[in-house]
C-alpha cells in the first residue's frame, strides 16, 4: 500500500489559492465548494464501518499532512447514500451497497481473527498486510458470503476510493 509522502510533489502549491483568479470559473467554484462542504459524518455507513472505511482510504490514498484532507470516506458515503451507481456491476459481486457492507464486515472479522483488534486500530503495516491479502484473494471465510475478496478490492475498493464523481 502507499505511504504518506515526506514531501509533496509540488511544494508550496495550493490549488485552492487560485479560487479568486482567472484559473477558476463560476462552475469550478460551485463544484469545489460542493465537494468541500460534503458532510464528514456517515449517512450510509455505520460508525464502525466509517472507521474501517476511513482507515482503508488512508492506506489506499494517503493525504498530505500540510493541508485539509480530501474527504474520501465522505465521497463514497454520499455515493452509497444516494445510491449512485456505476451503470454496470461485476458478476462476481453483489450490488455496490451490499458489497461494501459485506466487504467491510469481512475485513473487520479478518482483523479481529488475526490481530484481536479492529482494523482501524491496527498499525499501518498490519492494515497493509490485510489489504494485500484482500487484493490477492487470500481473505476468505463465511463473512465474505461467497464474494471474492480480490474482486471486491479490484472492482469496489480501488475505483470507489480513487475515483471522484
N, C-alpha and C. Protein backbone atom coordinates (compact mmCIF):
# COMPACT_ATOMS: atom_id res chain seq x y z
N UNK A 1 0.84 -1.17 0.00
CA UNK A 1 0.00 0.00 0.00
C UNK A 1 0.89 1.24 0.00
N UNK A 2 0.34 2.31 -0.40
CA UNK A 2 1.13 3.54 -0.47
C UNK A 2 1.36 4.11 0.92
N UNK A 3 2.38 4.87 1.03
CA UNK A 3 2.75 5.51 2.29
C UNK A 3 2.65 7.02 2.12
N UNK A 4 2.44 7.72 3.22
CA UNK A 4 2.39 9.18 3.20
C UNK A 4 3.74 9.72 2.73
N UNK A 5 3.71 10.56 1.72
CA UNK A 5 4.95 11.12 1.18
C UNK A 5 5.55 12.11 2.16
N UNK A 6 6.88 12.09 2.29
CA UNK A 6 7.56 13.02 3.18
C UNK A 6 7.47 14.45 2.66
N UNK A 7 7.53 14.60 1.35
CA UNK A 7 7.39 15.93 0.75
C UNK A 7 6.35 15.86 -0.36
N UNK A 8 5.55 16.90 -0.49
CA UNK A 8 4.54 16.88 -1.56
C UNK A 8 5.21 16.96 -2.92
N UNK A 9 4.47 16.54 -3.95
CA UNK A 9 5.00 16.57 -5.31
C UNK A 9 5.28 18.00 -5.78
N UNK A 10 4.47 18.92 -5.32
CA UNK A 10 4.61 20.32 -5.73
C UNK A 10 4.67 21.19 -4.48
N UNK A 11 5.80 21.25 -3.82
CA UNK A 11 5.92 22.01 -2.58
C UNK A 11 5.47 23.46 -2.76
N UNK A 12 4.64 23.91 -1.84
CA UNK A 12 4.19 25.29 -1.85
C UNK A 12 2.99 25.55 -2.75
N UNK A 13 2.60 24.58 -3.58
CA UNK A 13 1.47 24.79 -4.49
C UNK A 13 0.17 24.44 -3.78
N UNK A 14 -0.80 25.32 -3.86
CA UNK A 14 -2.11 25.09 -3.28
C UNK A 14 -3.17 25.49 -4.30
N UNK A 15 -3.84 24.51 -4.87
CA UNK A 15 -4.82 24.80 -5.92
C UNK A 15 -5.95 25.67 -5.39
N UNK A 16 -6.28 25.58 -4.11
CA UNK A 16 -7.36 26.40 -3.56
C UNK A 16 -7.00 27.89 -3.54
N UNK A 17 -5.72 28.21 -3.59
CA UNK A 17 -5.31 29.61 -3.63
C UNK A 17 -5.70 30.26 -4.95
N UNK A 18 -6.04 29.47 -5.93
CA UNK A 18 -6.44 30.01 -7.24
C UNK A 18 -7.92 30.34 -7.32
N UNK A 19 -8.65 30.12 -6.26
CA UNK A 19 -10.10 30.28 -6.26
C UNK A 19 -10.57 31.59 -6.88
N UNK A 20 -9.99 32.69 -6.51
CA UNK A 20 -10.45 34.00 -6.98
C UNK A 20 -9.60 34.55 -8.12
N UNK A 21 -9.02 33.66 -8.90
CA UNK A 21 -8.23 34.08 -10.06
C UNK A 21 -8.94 33.64 -11.33
N UNK A 22 -8.39 34.01 -12.46
CA UNK A 22 -8.97 33.61 -13.74
C UNK A 22 -8.84 32.11 -14.00
N UNK A 23 -8.05 31.40 -13.21
CA UNK A 23 -7.90 29.96 -13.37
C UNK A 23 -9.20 29.20 -13.07
N UNK A 24 -10.05 29.78 -12.23
CA UNK A 24 -11.31 29.14 -11.88
C UNK A 24 -12.47 29.96 -12.44
N UNK A 25 -13.47 29.27 -12.98
CA UNK A 25 -14.69 29.98 -13.37
C UNK A 25 -15.77 29.68 -12.32
N UNK A 26 -16.96 30.24 -12.50
CA UNK A 26 -18.02 30.06 -11.50
C UNK A 26 -18.42 28.59 -11.35
N UNK A 27 -18.46 27.85 -12.45
CA UNK A 27 -18.83 26.44 -12.37
C UNK A 27 -17.81 25.66 -11.55
N UNK A 28 -16.54 25.95 -11.75
CA UNK A 28 -15.49 25.28 -10.97
C UNK A 28 -15.64 25.62 -9.50
N UNK A 29 -15.88 26.87 -9.18
CA UNK A 29 -16.06 27.28 -7.78
C UNK A 29 -17.23 26.52 -7.14
N UNK A 30 -18.34 26.38 -7.87
CA UNK A 30 -19.51 25.67 -7.33
C UNK A 30 -19.18 24.20 -7.07
N UNK A 31 -18.51 23.55 -8.00
CA UNK A 31 -18.16 22.14 -7.84
C UNK A 31 -17.24 21.96 -6.64
N UNK A 32 -16.21 22.76 -6.56
CA UNK A 32 -15.25 22.65 -5.44
C UNK A 32 -15.93 22.96 -4.12
N UNK A 33 -16.75 24.00 -4.09
CA UNK A 33 -17.47 24.34 -2.85
C UNK A 33 -18.36 23.18 -2.40
N UNK A 34 -19.06 22.55 -3.36
CA UNK A 34 -19.92 21.42 -3.01
C UNK A 34 -19.10 20.27 -2.45
N UNK A 35 -17.98 19.99 -3.07
CA UNK A 35 -17.13 18.89 -2.59
C UNK A 35 -16.54 19.19 -1.22
N UNK A 36 -16.10 20.42 -1.00
CA UNK A 36 -15.51 20.76 0.30
C UNK A 36 -16.55 20.82 1.41
N UNK A 37 -17.81 21.07 1.04
CA UNK A 37 -18.88 21.17 2.04
C UNK A 37 -19.53 19.82 2.34
N UNK A 38 -19.07 18.78 1.71
CA UNK A 38 -19.65 17.46 1.91
C UNK A 38 -19.60 17.08 3.39
N UNK A 39 -20.69 16.54 3.91
CA UNK A 39 -20.70 16.13 5.33
C UNK A 39 -19.57 15.15 5.62
N UNK A 40 -18.92 15.34 6.75
CA UNK A 40 -17.80 14.46 7.15
C UNK A 40 -18.27 13.40 8.14
N UNK A 41 -19.56 13.19 8.20
CA UNK A 41 -20.13 12.16 9.06
C UNK A 41 -20.92 11.20 8.17
N UNK A 42 -21.01 9.95 8.58
CA UNK A 42 -21.67 8.96 7.73
C UNK A 42 -23.18 9.12 7.69
N UNK A 43 -23.71 8.88 6.51
CA UNK A 43 -25.15 8.82 6.32
C UNK A 43 -25.56 7.42 5.87
N UNK A 44 -24.71 6.75 5.11
CA UNK A 44 -24.97 5.38 4.69
C UNK A 44 -24.30 4.39 5.64
N UNK A 45 -23.04 4.60 5.92
CA UNK A 45 -22.27 3.68 6.74
C UNK A 45 -22.59 3.84 8.22
N UNK A 46 -22.43 2.77 8.97
CA UNK A 46 -22.50 2.85 10.44
C UNK A 46 -21.20 3.49 10.93
N UNK A 47 -21.16 3.86 12.19
CA UNK A 47 -19.93 4.45 12.75
C UNK A 47 -18.76 3.48 12.64
N UNK A 48 -18.98 2.22 12.92
CA UNK A 48 -17.90 1.22 12.84
C UNK A 48 -17.44 1.06 11.39
N UNK A 49 -18.37 0.98 10.46
CA UNK A 49 -18.00 0.87 9.04
C UNK A 49 -17.23 2.11 8.59
N UNK A 50 -17.65 3.28 9.07
CA UNK A 50 -16.99 4.54 8.72
C UNK A 50 -15.53 4.53 9.18
N UNK A 51 -15.29 4.04 10.40
CA UNK A 51 -13.91 3.98 10.91
C UNK A 51 -13.06 3.04 10.05
N UNK A 52 -13.63 1.89 9.70
CA UNK A 52 -12.90 0.94 8.85
C UNK A 52 -12.63 1.55 7.48
N UNK A 53 -13.66 2.14 6.89
CA UNK A 53 -13.51 2.78 5.58
C UNK A 53 -12.46 3.89 5.63
N UNK A 54 -12.49 4.70 6.66
CA UNK A 54 -11.51 5.80 6.79
C UNK A 54 -10.09 5.27 6.84
N UNK A 55 -9.90 4.17 7.57
CA UNK A 55 -8.57 3.56 7.66
C UNK A 55 -8.14 2.99 6.30
N UNK A 56 -9.07 2.38 5.59
CA UNK A 56 -8.76 1.86 4.26
C UNK A 56 -8.37 3.01 3.34
N UNK A 57 -9.14 4.08 3.35
CA UNK A 57 -8.84 5.24 2.50
C UNK A 57 -7.44 5.78 2.77
N UNK A 58 -7.07 5.85 4.03
CA UNK A 58 -5.74 6.37 4.39
C UNK A 58 -4.63 5.47 3.86
N UNK A 59 -4.87 4.18 3.79
CA UNK A 59 -3.85 3.26 3.28
C UNK A 59 -3.82 3.27 1.75
N UNK A 60 -4.98 3.40 1.10
CA UNK A 60 -5.04 3.36 -0.35
C UNK A 60 -4.57 4.67 -0.97
N UNK A 61 -5.01 5.78 -0.39
CA UNK A 61 -4.69 7.09 -0.94
C UNK A 61 -4.36 8.05 0.21
N UNK A 62 -3.14 7.97 0.74
CA UNK A 62 -2.75 8.83 1.87
C UNK A 62 -2.90 10.31 1.52
N UNK A 63 -3.21 11.10 2.53
CA UNK A 63 -3.43 12.53 2.35
C UNK A 63 -2.21 13.31 2.82
N UNK A 64 -1.93 14.44 2.19
CA UNK A 64 -0.82 15.28 2.64
C UNK A 64 -1.08 15.80 4.06
N UNK A 65 -0.05 15.92 4.83
CA UNK A 65 -0.19 16.38 6.21
C UNK A 65 -0.27 17.90 6.32
N UNK A 66 0.07 18.61 5.24
CA UNK A 66 0.17 20.07 5.32
C UNK A 66 -1.12 20.80 4.93
N UNK A 67 -2.22 20.08 4.72
CA UNK A 67 -3.50 20.74 4.39
C UNK A 67 -4.65 19.80 4.72
N UNK A 68 -5.84 20.34 4.66
CA UNK A 68 -7.02 19.54 4.96
C UNK A 68 -7.12 18.37 3.98
N UNK A 69 -7.47 17.20 4.47
CA UNK A 69 -7.56 16.04 3.59
C UNK A 69 -8.78 16.12 2.68
N UNK A 70 -8.67 15.48 1.55
CA UNK A 70 -9.83 15.30 0.67
C UNK A 70 -10.74 14.30 1.40
N UNK A 71 -12.02 14.58 1.50
CA UNK A 71 -12.91 13.71 2.29
C UNK A 71 -13.30 12.43 1.54
N UNK A 72 -12.35 11.56 1.34
CA UNK A 72 -12.59 10.33 0.58
C UNK A 72 -13.72 9.48 1.15
N UNK A 73 -13.73 9.22 2.47
CA UNK A 73 -14.86 8.43 3.00
C UNK A 73 -16.20 9.12 2.76
N UNK A 74 -16.23 10.44 2.86
CA UNK A 74 -17.47 11.18 2.65
C UNK A 74 -17.95 11.07 1.20
N UNK A 75 -17.02 11.10 0.25
CA UNK A 75 -17.40 10.95 -1.16
C UNK A 75 -18.07 9.59 -1.38
N UNK A 76 -17.47 8.54 -0.85
CA UNK A 76 -18.04 7.21 -1.03
C UNK A 76 -19.35 7.08 -0.27
N UNK A 77 -19.40 7.62 0.94
CA UNK A 77 -20.64 7.57 1.71
C UNK A 77 -21.77 8.27 0.95
N UNK A 78 -21.50 9.42 0.35
CA UNK A 78 -22.52 10.14 -0.41
C UNK A 78 -22.97 9.31 -1.62
N UNK A 79 -22.02 8.68 -2.30
CA UNK A 79 -22.36 7.84 -3.45
C UNK A 79 -23.32 6.73 -3.04
N UNK A 80 -23.03 6.08 -1.93
CA UNK A 80 -23.87 4.97 -1.49
C UNK A 80 -25.17 5.48 -0.85
N UNK A 81 -25.11 6.58 -0.14
CA UNK A 81 -26.31 7.17 0.46
C UNK A 81 -27.33 7.51 -0.62
N UNK A 82 -26.85 8.08 -1.72
CA UNK A 82 -27.74 8.46 -2.83
C UNK A 82 -27.94 7.32 -3.82
N UNK A 83 -27.30 6.18 -3.56
CA UNK A 83 -27.37 5.00 -4.42
C UNK A 83 -27.00 5.35 -5.86
N UNK A 84 -25.94 6.13 -6.02
CA UNK A 84 -25.41 6.48 -7.33
C UNK A 84 -24.59 5.29 -7.82
N UNK A 85 -25.00 4.73 -8.92
CA UNK A 85 -24.37 3.51 -9.41
C UNK A 85 -23.46 3.79 -10.60
N UNK A 86 -22.62 2.81 -10.90
CA UNK A 86 -21.66 2.94 -11.99
C UNK A 86 -22.26 2.67 -13.36
N UNK A 87 -23.41 2.03 -13.40
CA UNK A 87 -24.02 1.68 -14.67
C UNK A 87 -23.70 0.26 -15.10
N UNK A 88 -22.93 -0.44 -14.31
CA UNK A 88 -22.59 -1.84 -14.57
C UNK A 88 -22.23 -2.47 -13.24
N UNK A 89 -22.16 -3.79 -13.21
CA UNK A 89 -21.76 -4.50 -12.00
C UNK A 89 -21.00 -5.74 -12.40
N UNK A 90 -19.90 -5.98 -11.73
CA UNK A 90 -19.13 -7.20 -11.94
C UNK A 90 -19.97 -8.39 -11.48
N UNK A 91 -20.02 -9.42 -12.29
CA UNK A 91 -20.86 -10.58 -11.99
C UNK A 91 -20.47 -11.26 -10.67
N UNK A 92 -19.21 -11.16 -10.28
CA UNK A 92 -18.75 -11.81 -9.06
C UNK A 92 -19.15 -11.06 -7.79
N UNK A 93 -19.69 -9.86 -7.96
CA UNK A 93 -20.02 -9.02 -6.81
C UNK A 93 -21.51 -8.78 -6.69
N UNK A 94 -21.99 -8.65 -5.45
CA UNK A 94 -23.38 -8.21 -5.27
C UNK A 94 -23.48 -6.71 -5.59
N UNK A 95 -24.67 -6.15 -5.59
CA UNK A 95 -24.80 -4.70 -5.80
C UNK A 95 -23.89 -3.93 -4.85
N UNK A 96 -23.46 -2.72 -5.28
CA UNK A 96 -22.40 -2.00 -4.57
C UNK A 96 -22.68 -1.77 -3.09
N UNK A 97 -23.88 -1.40 -2.72
CA UNK A 97 -24.16 -1.17 -1.29
C UNK A 97 -23.94 -2.45 -0.49
N UNK A 98 -24.47 -3.55 -0.99
CA UNK A 98 -24.32 -4.84 -0.32
C UNK A 98 -22.85 -5.27 -0.31
N UNK A 99 -22.15 -5.06 -1.41
CA UNK A 99 -20.73 -5.43 -1.48
C UNK A 99 -19.94 -4.69 -0.41
N UNK A 100 -20.19 -3.40 -0.25
CA UNK A 100 -19.45 -2.63 0.75
C UNK A 100 -19.78 -3.11 2.17
N UNK A 101 -21.02 -3.38 2.45
CA UNK A 101 -21.39 -3.87 3.79
C UNK A 101 -20.67 -5.20 4.07
N UNK A 102 -20.74 -6.12 3.11
CA UNK A 102 -20.10 -7.42 3.28
C UNK A 102 -18.59 -7.26 3.40
N UNK A 103 -17.97 -6.49 2.50
CA UNK A 103 -16.52 -6.34 2.49
C UNK A 103 -15.97 -5.72 3.75
N UNK A 104 -16.61 -4.69 4.26
CA UNK A 104 -16.13 -4.04 5.49
C UNK A 104 -16.29 -4.98 6.68
N UNK A 105 -17.42 -5.66 6.76
CA UNK A 105 -17.64 -6.61 7.86
C UNK A 105 -16.61 -7.74 7.80
N UNK A 106 -16.36 -8.25 6.60
CA UNK A 106 -15.39 -9.36 6.44
C UNK A 106 -13.97 -8.91 6.77
N UNK A 107 -13.60 -7.70 6.37
CA UNK A 107 -12.27 -7.18 6.70
C UNK A 107 -12.13 -7.01 8.21
N UNK A 108 -13.17 -6.52 8.86
CA UNK A 108 -13.14 -6.41 10.33
C UNK A 108 -12.97 -7.78 10.97
N UNK A 109 -13.69 -8.77 10.45
CA UNK A 109 -13.57 -10.12 11.00
C UNK A 109 -12.14 -10.64 10.85
N UNK A 110 -11.51 -10.36 9.71
CA UNK A 110 -10.13 -10.79 9.49
C UNK A 110 -9.18 -10.07 10.45
N UNK A 111 -9.40 -8.79 10.68
CA UNK A 111 -8.56 -8.04 11.63
C UNK A 111 -8.70 -8.62 13.03
N UNK A 112 -9.92 -8.91 13.43
CA UNK A 112 -10.14 -9.49 14.76
C UNK A 112 -9.52 -10.87 14.87
N UNK A 113 -9.69 -11.69 13.83
CA UNK A 113 -9.15 -13.06 13.87
C UNK A 113 -7.63 -13.06 13.88
N UNK A 114 -7.03 -12.14 13.15
CA UNK A 114 -5.58 -12.12 13.00
C UNK A 114 -4.89 -11.36 14.14
N UNK A 115 -5.48 -10.23 14.55
CA UNK A 115 -4.80 -9.33 15.50
C UNK A 115 -5.59 -9.05 16.77
N UNK A 116 -6.81 -9.56 16.86
CA UNK A 116 -7.68 -9.31 18.00
C UNK A 116 -7.93 -7.81 18.25
N UNK A 117 -7.93 -7.04 17.16
CA UNK A 117 -8.22 -5.60 17.22
C UNK A 117 -9.00 -5.21 15.98
N UNK A 118 -9.69 -4.09 16.07
CA UNK A 118 -10.41 -3.55 14.92
C UNK A 118 -9.41 -3.10 13.86
N UNK A 119 -9.82 -3.12 12.61
CA UNK A 119 -8.93 -2.75 11.51
C UNK A 119 -8.36 -1.35 11.71
N UNK A 120 -9.18 -0.39 12.12
CA UNK A 120 -8.70 0.98 12.27
C UNK A 120 -7.73 1.14 13.45
N UNK A 121 -7.66 0.16 14.35
CA UNK A 121 -6.74 0.21 15.48
C UNK A 121 -5.40 -0.47 15.18
N UNK A 122 -5.28 -1.08 14.01
CA UNK A 122 -4.04 -1.77 13.66
C UNK A 122 -2.96 -0.80 13.23
N UNK A 123 -1.72 -1.24 13.33
CA UNK A 123 -0.60 -0.49 12.79
C UNK A 123 -0.70 -0.48 11.26
N UNK A 124 -0.11 0.51 10.63
CA UNK A 124 -0.19 0.65 9.18
C UNK A 124 0.28 -0.62 8.47
N UNK A 125 1.35 -1.23 8.96
CA UNK A 125 1.88 -2.43 8.32
C UNK A 125 0.89 -3.59 8.43
N UNK A 126 0.19 -3.68 9.55
CA UNK A 126 -0.81 -4.73 9.73
C UNK A 126 -2.00 -4.50 8.80
N UNK A 127 -2.42 -3.24 8.68
CA UNK A 127 -3.51 -2.91 7.75
C UNK A 127 -3.09 -3.25 6.33
N UNK A 128 -1.88 -2.85 5.96
CA UNK A 128 -1.39 -3.14 4.60
C UNK A 128 -1.37 -4.63 4.33
N UNK A 129 -0.95 -5.42 5.30
CA UNK A 129 -0.89 -6.87 5.10
C UNK A 129 -2.29 -7.44 4.85
N UNK A 130 -3.27 -6.97 5.58
CA UNK A 130 -4.64 -7.45 5.36
C UNK A 130 -5.17 -6.98 4.01
N UNK A 131 -4.87 -5.77 3.64
CA UNK A 131 -5.32 -5.27 2.34
C UNK A 131 -4.64 -6.03 1.19
N UNK A 132 -3.38 -6.38 1.37
CA UNK A 132 -2.69 -7.19 0.36
C UNK A 132 -3.33 -8.58 0.24
N UNK A 133 -3.70 -9.13 1.39
CA UNK A 133 -4.38 -10.44 1.36
C UNK A 133 -5.73 -10.32 0.66
N UNK A 134 -6.42 -9.22 0.89
CA UNK A 134 -7.69 -8.98 0.20
C UNK A 134 -7.44 -8.89 -1.30
N UNK A 135 -6.46 -8.08 -1.67
CA UNK A 135 -6.14 -7.87 -3.08
C UNK A 135 -5.80 -9.17 -3.80
N UNK A 136 -5.11 -10.07 -3.11
CA UNK A 136 -4.69 -11.33 -3.73
C UNK A 136 -5.78 -12.40 -3.70
N UNK A 137 -6.87 -12.11 -3.00
CA UNK A 137 -7.95 -13.10 -2.89
C UNK A 137 -7.75 -14.07 -1.75
N UNK A 138 -6.76 -13.82 -0.89
CA UNK A 138 -6.46 -14.74 0.21
C UNK A 138 -7.36 -14.54 1.42
N UNK A 139 -8.11 -13.45 1.49
CA UNK A 139 -9.07 -13.29 2.59
C UNK A 139 -10.33 -14.05 2.19
N UNK A 140 -10.62 -15.08 2.96
CA UNK A 140 -11.78 -15.94 2.68
C UNK A 140 -12.49 -16.23 3.98
N UNK A 141 -13.65 -16.80 3.87
CA UNK A 141 -14.40 -17.20 5.05
C UNK A 141 -15.87 -16.90 4.87
N UNK A 142 -16.67 -17.37 5.80
CA UNK A 142 -18.11 -17.20 5.68
C UNK A 142 -18.56 -15.74 5.69
N UNK A 143 -17.75 -14.87 6.30
CA UNK A 143 -18.11 -13.44 6.34
C UNK A 143 -18.18 -12.83 4.94
N UNK A 144 -17.45 -13.41 4.00
CA UNK A 144 -17.43 -12.89 2.63
C UNK A 144 -18.68 -13.28 1.85
N UNK A 145 -19.48 -14.19 2.38
CA UNK A 145 -20.74 -14.61 1.76
C UNK A 145 -20.57 -14.97 0.28
N UNK A 146 -19.45 -15.60 -0.03
CA UNK A 146 -19.19 -16.03 -1.40
C UNK A 146 -18.60 -14.96 -2.30
N UNK A 147 -18.47 -13.74 -1.80
CA UNK A 147 -17.89 -12.65 -2.60
C UNK A 147 -16.36 -12.78 -2.57
N UNK A 148 -15.70 -12.88 -3.72
CA UNK A 148 -14.24 -12.98 -3.73
C UNK A 148 -13.60 -11.67 -3.25
N UNK A 149 -12.70 -11.79 -2.29
CA UNK A 149 -12.08 -10.58 -1.73
C UNK A 149 -11.28 -9.82 -2.79
N UNK A 150 -10.65 -10.52 -3.71
CA UNK A 150 -9.87 -9.82 -4.74
C UNK A 150 -10.78 -9.05 -5.69
N UNK A 151 -11.94 -9.59 -6.01
CA UNK A 151 -12.88 -8.86 -6.86
C UNK A 151 -13.41 -7.63 -6.15
N UNK A 152 -13.68 -7.75 -4.85
CA UNK A 152 -14.12 -6.60 -4.07
C UNK A 152 -13.04 -5.52 -4.08
N UNK A 153 -11.80 -5.92 -3.85
CA UNK A 153 -10.69 -4.96 -3.84
C UNK A 153 -10.55 -4.28 -5.20
N UNK A 154 -10.51 -5.07 -6.26
CA UNK A 154 -10.25 -4.55 -7.61
C UNK A 154 -11.42 -3.74 -8.17
N UNK A 155 -12.64 -4.18 -7.92
CA UNK A 155 -13.79 -3.55 -8.58
C UNK A 155 -14.60 -2.62 -7.68
N UNK A 156 -14.33 -2.60 -6.38
CA UNK A 156 -15.05 -1.68 -5.50
C UNK A 156 -14.07 -0.80 -4.75
N UNK A 157 -13.16 -1.39 -3.98
CA UNK A 157 -12.29 -0.59 -3.11
C UNK A 157 -11.49 0.42 -3.91
N UNK A 158 -10.69 -0.04 -4.82
CA UNK A 158 -9.80 0.88 -5.55
C UNK A 158 -10.56 1.92 -6.36
N UNK A 159 -11.49 1.51 -7.22
CA UNK A 159 -12.18 2.56 -8.02
C UNK A 159 -13.06 3.48 -7.18
N UNK A 160 -13.73 2.95 -6.16
CA UNK A 160 -14.62 3.81 -5.36
C UNK A 160 -13.85 4.81 -4.51
N UNK A 161 -12.65 4.45 -4.10
CA UNK A 161 -11.86 5.37 -3.26
C UNK A 161 -11.07 6.36 -4.11
N UNK A 162 -10.61 5.92 -5.26
CA UNK A 162 -9.74 6.79 -6.06
C UNK A 162 -10.47 7.62 -7.11
N UNK A 163 -11.69 7.24 -7.46
CA UNK A 163 -12.44 7.98 -8.50
C UNK A 163 -13.37 9.00 -7.86
N UNK A 164 -13.41 10.17 -8.40
CA UNK A 164 -14.30 11.23 -7.91
C UNK A 164 -15.36 11.49 -8.95
N UNK A 165 -16.60 11.54 -8.54
CA UNK A 165 -17.67 11.86 -9.48
C UNK A 165 -18.23 13.23 -9.20
